[in-house]
């Protein structure tokens, strides 16, 4: 992973998580702890998005992306 810009963040971890992070980094040949943490955050974001999609699919509120069928304005009028 490469980034155009970065922001420094300090993280304190319990020893068990810090040890796991070190082992994970070595096992997966990740160049730095920062990269390993970045990958973990991306995985968390993807998991949350997948859960949101699953909730949406279970809701039964589907939108036809070609016709806009299923979209409504806040006042209840059909979107056009």
C-alpha atoms as a PDB file:
ATOM      1  CA  UNK A   1       0.000   0.000   0.000  1.00  0.00           C
ATOM      2  CA  UNK A   2       1.236   3.463  -0.778  1.00  0.00           C
ATOM      3  CA  UNK A   3      -0.210   6.735   0.358  1.00  0.00           C
ATOM      4  CA  UNK A   4       0.088  10.252  -1.026  1.00  0.00           C
ATOM      5  CA  UNK A   5       0.071  11.679   2.478  1.00  0.00           C
ATOM      6  CA  UNK A   6       0.304  10.203   5.923  1.00  0.00           C
ATOM      7  CA  UNK A   7      -0.652  11.262   9.400  1.00  0.00           C
ATOM      8  CA  UNK A   8       1.259  10.104  12.459  1.00  0.00           C
ATOM      9  CA  UNK A   9      -0.862   8.366  15.099  1.00  0.00           C
ATOM     10  CA  UNK A  10       0.436   6.930  18.359  1.00  0.00           C
ATOM     11  CA  UNK A  11      -1.184   3.685  19.491  1.00  0.00           C
ATOM     12  CA  UNK A  12      -0.866   1.912  22.842  1.00  0.00           C
ATOM     13  CA  UNK A  13      -1.608  -1.819  22.803  1.00  0.00           C
ATOM     14  CA  UNK A  14      -1.719  -4.513  25.449  1.00  0.00           C
ATOM     15  CA  UNK A  15       1.281  -6.870  25.166  1.00  0.00           C
ATOM     16  CA  UNK A  16      -0.775  -9.701  23.654  1.00  0.00           C
ATOM     17  CA  UNK A  17      -1.957  -7.498  20.770  1.00  0.00           C
ATOM     18  CA  UNK A  18       1.477  -5.940  20.285  1.00  0.00           C
ATOM     19  CA  UNK A  19       3.024  -9.433  20.068  1.00  0.00           C
ATOM     20  CA  UNK A  20       0.345 -10.550  17.627  1.00  0.00           C
ATOM     21  CA  UNK A  21       0.998  -7.480  15.485  1.00  0.00           C
ATOM     22  CA  UNK A  22       4.733  -8.267  15.391  1.00  0.00           C
ATOM     23  CA  UNK A  23       4.113 -11.914  14.451  1.00  0.00           C
ATOM     24  CA  UNK A  24       1.527 -10.970  11.833  1.00  0.00           C
ATOM     25  CA  UNK A  25       3.925  -8.466  10.285  1.00  0.00           C
ATOM     26  CA  UNK A  26       6.712 -11.059  10.093  1.00  0.00           C
ATOM     27  CA  UNK A  27       4.494 -13.912   8.881  1.00  0.00           C
ATOM     28  CA  UNK A  28       2.946 -11.844   6.100  1.00  0.00           C
ATOM     29  CA  UNK A  29       6.178 -10.029   5.271  1.00  0.00           C
ATOM     30  CA  UNK A  30       4.680  -6.607   5.812  1.00  0.00           C
ATOM     31  CA  UNK A  31       7.275  -3.844   5.683  1.00  0.00           C
ATOM     32  CA  UNK A  32       6.245  -2.049   8.884  1.00  0.00           C
ATOM     33  CA  UNK A  33       3.875  -2.083  11.841  1.00  0.00           C
ATOM     34  CA  UNK A  34       2.229   0.996  10.360  1.00  0.00           C
ATOM     35  CA  UNK A  35       1.450  -0.959   7.208  1.00  0.00           C
ATOM     36  CA  UNK A  36       0.068  -3.877   9.222  1.00  0.00           C
ATOM     37  CA  UNK A  37      -2.190  -1.537  11.193  1.00  0.00           C
ATOM     38  CA  UNK A  38      -3.282   0.208   7.985  1.00  0.00           C
ATOM     39  CA  UNK A  39      -4.245  -3.177   6.509  1.00  0.00           C
ATOM     40  CA  UNK A  40      -6.198  -4.006   9.679  1.00  0.00           C
ATOM     41  CA  UNK A  41      -8.112  -0.724   9.473  1.00  0.00           C
ATOM     42  CA  UNK A  42      -8.924  -1.329   5.793  1.00  0.00           C
ATOM     43  CA  UNK A  43     -10.210  -4.809   6.729  1.00  0.00           C
ATOM     44  CA  UNK A  44     -12.396  -3.308   9.467  1.00  0.00           C
ATOM     45  CA  UNK A  45     -13.793  -0.746   7.028  1.00  0.00           C
ATOM     46  CA  UNK A  46     -14.521  -3.459   4.438  1.00  0.00           C
ATOM     47  CA  UNK A  47     -16.227  -5.617   7.098  1.00  0.00           C
ATOM     48  CA  UNK A  48     -18.409  -2.710   8.168  1.00  0.00           C
ATOM     49  CA  UNK A  49     -19.346  -1.958   4.550  1.00  0.00           C
ATOM     50  CA  UNK A  50     -20.185  -5.630   3.913  1.00  0.00           C
ATOM     51  CA  UNK A  51     -22.408  -5.642   7.008  1.00  0.00           C
ATOM     52  CA  UNK A  52     -24.157  -2.472   5.801  1.00  0.00           C
ATOM     53  CA  UNK A  53     -24.764  -4.039   2.373  1.00  0.00           C
ATOM     54  CA  UNK A  54     -26.120  -7.198   4.028  1.00  0.00           C
ATOM     55  CA  UNK A  55     -28.464  -5.116   6.216  1.00  0.00           C
ATOM     56  CA  UNK A  56     -29.643  -3.267   3.111  1.00  0.00           C
ATOM     57  CA  UNK A  57     -30.246  -6.519   1.237  1.00  0.00           C
ATOM     58  CA  UNK A  58     -32.259  -7.897   4.158  1.00  0.00           C
ATOM     59  CA  UNK A  59     -34.331  -4.696   4.330  1.00  0.00           C
ATOM     60  CA  UNK A  60     -36.025  -5.396   1.001  1.00  0.00           C
ATOM     61  CA  UNK A  61     -35.656  -1.737  -0.003  1.00  0.00           C
ATOM     62  CA  UNK A  62     -34.183  -2.134  -3.441  1.00  0.00           C
ATOM     63  CA  UNK A  63     -33.546   0.608  -5.964  1.00  0.00           C
ATOM     64  CA  UNK A  64     -33.495   0.096  -9.719  1.00  0.00           C
ATOM     65  CA  UNK A  65     -30.330   1.926 -10.713  1.00  0.00           C
ATOM     66  CA  UNK A  66     -31.430   2.265 -14.330  1.00  0.00           C
ATOM     67  CA  UNK A  67     -34.896   3.723 -13.742  1.00  0.00           C
ATOM     68  CA  UNK A  68     -34.551   5.135 -10.238  1.00  0.00           C
ATOM     69  CA  UNK A  69     -37.543   3.056  -9.163  1.00  0.00           C
ATOM     70  CA  UNK A  70     -37.534   2.893  -5.379  1.00  0.00           C
ATOM     71  CA  UNK A  71     -36.046   6.348  -4.834  1.00  0.00           C
ATOM     72  CA  UNK A  72     -38.255   8.925  -3.202  1.00  0.00           C
ATOM     73  CA  UNK A  73     -37.795  12.556  -2.281  1.00  0.00           C
ATOM     74  CA  UNK A  74     -37.948  13.341   1.450  1.00  0.00           C
ATOM     75  CA  UNK A  75     -41.571  14.494   1.028  1.00  0.00           C
ATOM     76  CA  UNK A  76     -42.561  11.095  -0.340  1.00  0.00           C
ATOM     77  CA  UNK A  77     -42.655  12.160  -3.981  1.00  0.00           C
ATOM     78  CA  UNK A  78     -41.106   9.833  -6.516  1.00  0.00           C
ATOM     79  CA  UNK A  79     -37.589  10.768  -7.599  1.00  0.00           C
ATOM     80  CA  UNK A  80     -37.114  11.620 -11.274  1.00  0.00           C
END
